[in-house]
Amino acid sequence: MAERLAVIGILIVVVGIPAGITWSKGQRLAFFLGFLGLGMIWIVAACRLARPSSWWAQRFYGPEKLRRAEERFGARAAALS
């Protein structure tokens, strides 16, 4: 029983948290592709820059990082949400 709880805890940390971060960063395609890649895509997407209109960018990014996100995704991405 304890082993099962440990495995579930590890799965939540290794897969669940990056999936949630990927979704909150506005990277919907990477989120859905993560199901095919067994979560590896979520780990990579969680480390990448968020869309400027996403909840993550609005909450955690300062002016400099928000400017970088707008340069990368363009003004169109900021207007989508």
C-alpha atoms as a PDB file:
ATOM      1  CA  MET A   1       0.000   0.000   0.000  1.00  0.00           C
ATOM      2  CA  ALA A   2       2.791   2.428   0.868  1.00  0.00           C
ATOM      3  CA  GLU A   3       4.540   1.646  -2.412  1.00  0.00           C
ATOM      4  CA  ARG A   4       1.406   2.497  -4.369  1.00  0.00           C
ATOM      5  CA  LEU A   5       1.063   5.814  -2.572  1.00  0.00           C
ATOM      6  CA  ALA A   6       4.701   6.595  -3.302  1.00  0.00           C
ATOM      7  CA  VAL A   7       4.220   5.835  -7.004  1.00  0.00           C
ATOM      8  CA  ILE A   8       1.085   7.997  -7.156  1.00  0.00           C
ATOM      9  CA  GLY A   9       2.937  10.834  -5.433  1.00  0.00           C
ATOM     10  CA  ILE A  10       5.841  10.590  -7.860  1.00  0.00           C
ATOM     11  CA  LEU A  11       3.446  10.590 -10.837  1.00  0.00           C
ATOM     12  CA  ILE A  12       1.717  13.691  -9.549  1.00  0.00           C
ATOM     13  CA  VAL A  13       5.025  15.512  -9.169  1.00  0.00           C
ATOM     14  CA  VAL A  14       6.637  14.327 -12.405  1.00  0.00           C
ATOM     15  CA  VAL A  15       3.584  14.407 -14.682  1.00  0.00           C
ATOM     16  CA  GLY A  16       0.712  16.278 -13.052  1.00  0.00           C
ATOM     17  CA  ILE A  17       2.489  19.466 -12.062  1.00  0.00           C
ATOM     18  CA  PRO A  18       4.141  20.043 -15.476  1.00  0.00           C
ATOM     19  CA  ALA A  19       0.775  19.352 -17.153  1.00  0.00           C
ATOM     20  CA  GLY A  20      -0.905  21.994 -15.019  1.00  0.00           C
ATOM     21  CA  ILE A  21       1.857  24.501 -15.643  1.00  0.00           C
ATOM     22  CA  THR A  22       1.678  23.839 -19.394  1.00  0.00           C
ATOM     23  CA  TRP A  23      -2.083  24.482 -19.376  1.00  0.00           C
ATOM     24  CA  SER A  24      -1.777  27.666 -17.304  1.00  0.00           C
ATOM     25  CA  LYS A  25       0.960  28.992 -19.603  1.00  0.00           C
ATOM     26  CA  GLY A  26      -1.534  28.904 -22.461  1.00  0.00           C
ATOM     27  CA  GLN A  27       0.224  26.183 -24.415  1.00  0.00           C
ATOM     28  CA  ARG A  28      -2.875  24.168 -25.293  1.00  0.00           C
ATOM     29  CA  LEU A  29      -1.369  22.229 -28.205  1.00  0.00           C
ATOM     30  CA  ALA A  30       1.589  21.113 -26.092  1.00  0.00           C
ATOM     31  CA  PHE A  31      -0.845  20.088 -23.350  1.00  0.00           C
ATOM     32  CA  PHE A  32      -2.797  17.804 -25.663  1.00  0.00           C
ATOM     33  CA  LEU A  33       0.362  16.443 -27.318  1.00  0.00           C
ATOM     34  CA  GLY A  34       1.645  15.582 -23.843  1.00  0.00           C
ATOM     35  CA  PHE A  35      -0.872  12.757 -23.663  1.00  0.00           C
ATOM     36  CA  LEU A  36       0.786  11.182 -26.705  1.00  0.00           C
ATOM     37  CA  GLY A  37       4.316  11.759 -25.435  1.00  0.00           C
ATOM     38  CA  LEU A  38       3.588  10.260 -22.008  1.00  0.00           C
ATOM     39  CA  GLY A  39       4.159  13.575 -20.284  1.00  0.00           C
ATOM     40  CA  MET A  40       7.628  14.368 -21.617  1.00  0.00           C
ATOM     41  CA  ILE A  41       6.255  17.215 -23.703  1.00  0.00           C
ATOM     42  CA  TRP A  42       4.730  18.739 -20.557  1.00  0.00           C
ATOM     43  CA  ILE A  43       8.105  18.891 -18.861  1.00  0.00           C
ATOM     44  CA  VAL A  44       9.612  20.741 -21.815  1.00  0.00           C
ATOM     45  CA  ALA A  45       6.597  23.054 -22.235  1.00  0.00           C
ATOM     46  CA  ALA A  46       6.602  23.901 -18.525  1.00  0.00           C
ATOM     47  CA  CYS A  47      10.143  25.252 -18.912  1.00  0.00           C
ATOM     48  CA  ARG A  48       9.324  27.368 -21.975  1.00  0.00           C
ATOM     49  CA  LEU A  49       8.105  30.948 -22.103  1.00  0.00           C
ATOM     50  CA  ALA A  50       4.366  31.444 -21.534  1.00  0.00           C
ATOM     51  CA  ARG A  51       1.994  33.231 -23.885  1.00  0.00           C
ATOM     52  CA  PRO A  52       1.709  36.896 -22.850  1.00  0.00           C
ATOM     53  CA  SER A  53      -2.064  36.645 -22.378  1.00  0.00           C
ATOM     54  CA  SER A  54      -1.929  33.524 -20.205  1.00  0.00           C
ATOM     55  CA  TRP A  55      -2.667  33.417 -16.518  1.00  0.00           C
ATOM     56  CA  TRP A  56       0.928  32.364 -15.829  1.00  0.00           C
ATOM     57  CA  ALA A  57       2.450  35.370 -17.613  1.00  0.00           C
ATOM     58  CA  GLN A  58       0.075  37.841 -15.985  1.00  0.00           C
ATOM     59  CA  ARG A  59       0.736  36.414 -12.523  1.00  0.00           C
ATOM     60  CA  PHE A  60       4.465  35.677 -12.520  1.00  0.00           C
ATOM     61  CA  TYR A  61       6.162  37.733 -15.240  1.00  0.00           C
ATOM     62  CA  GLY A  62       7.677  41.128 -14.690  1.00  0.00           C
ATOM     63  CA  PRO A  63       7.831  43.790 -17.399  1.00  0.00           C
ATOM     64  CA  GLU A  64      11.033  42.459 -18.986  1.00  0.00           C
ATOM     65  CA  LYS A  65       9.895  38.852 -19.263  1.00  0.00           C
ATOM     66  CA  LEU A  66       6.433  39.917 -20.436  1.00  0.00           C
ATOM     67  CA  ARG A  67       8.109  41.975 -23.184  1.00  0.00           C
ATOM     68  CA  ARG A  68      10.119  38.893 -24.233  1.00  0.00           C
ATOM     69  CA  ALA A  69       6.912  36.848 -24.393  1.00  0.00           C
ATOM     70  CA  GLU A  70       5.225  39.502 -26.534  1.00  0.00           C
ATOM     71  CA  GLU A  71       8.217  39.553 -28.884  1.00  0.00           C
ATOM     72  CA  ARG A  72       8.137  35.787 -29.210  1.00  0.00           C
ATOM     73  CA  PHE A  73       4.397  35.283 -29.635  1.00  0.00           C
ATOM     74  CA  GLY A  74       3.530  38.653 -31.149  1.00  0.00           C
ATOM     75  CA  ALA A  75       0.661  41.030 -30.491  1.00  0.00           C
ATOM     76  CA  ARG A  76      -1.839  38.552 -31.958  1.00  0.00           C
ATOM     77  CA  ALA A  77      -1.239  36.086 -29.105  1.00  0.00           C
ATOM     78  CA  ALA A  78      -1.799  38.833 -26.540  1.00  0.00           C
ATOM     79  CA  ALA A  79      -5.122  39.745 -28.156  1.00  0.00           C
ATOM     80  CA  LEU A  80      -6.461  36.172 -28.289  1.00  0.00           C
ATOM     81  CA  SER A  81      -7.287  35.882 -24.603  1.00  0.00           C
END
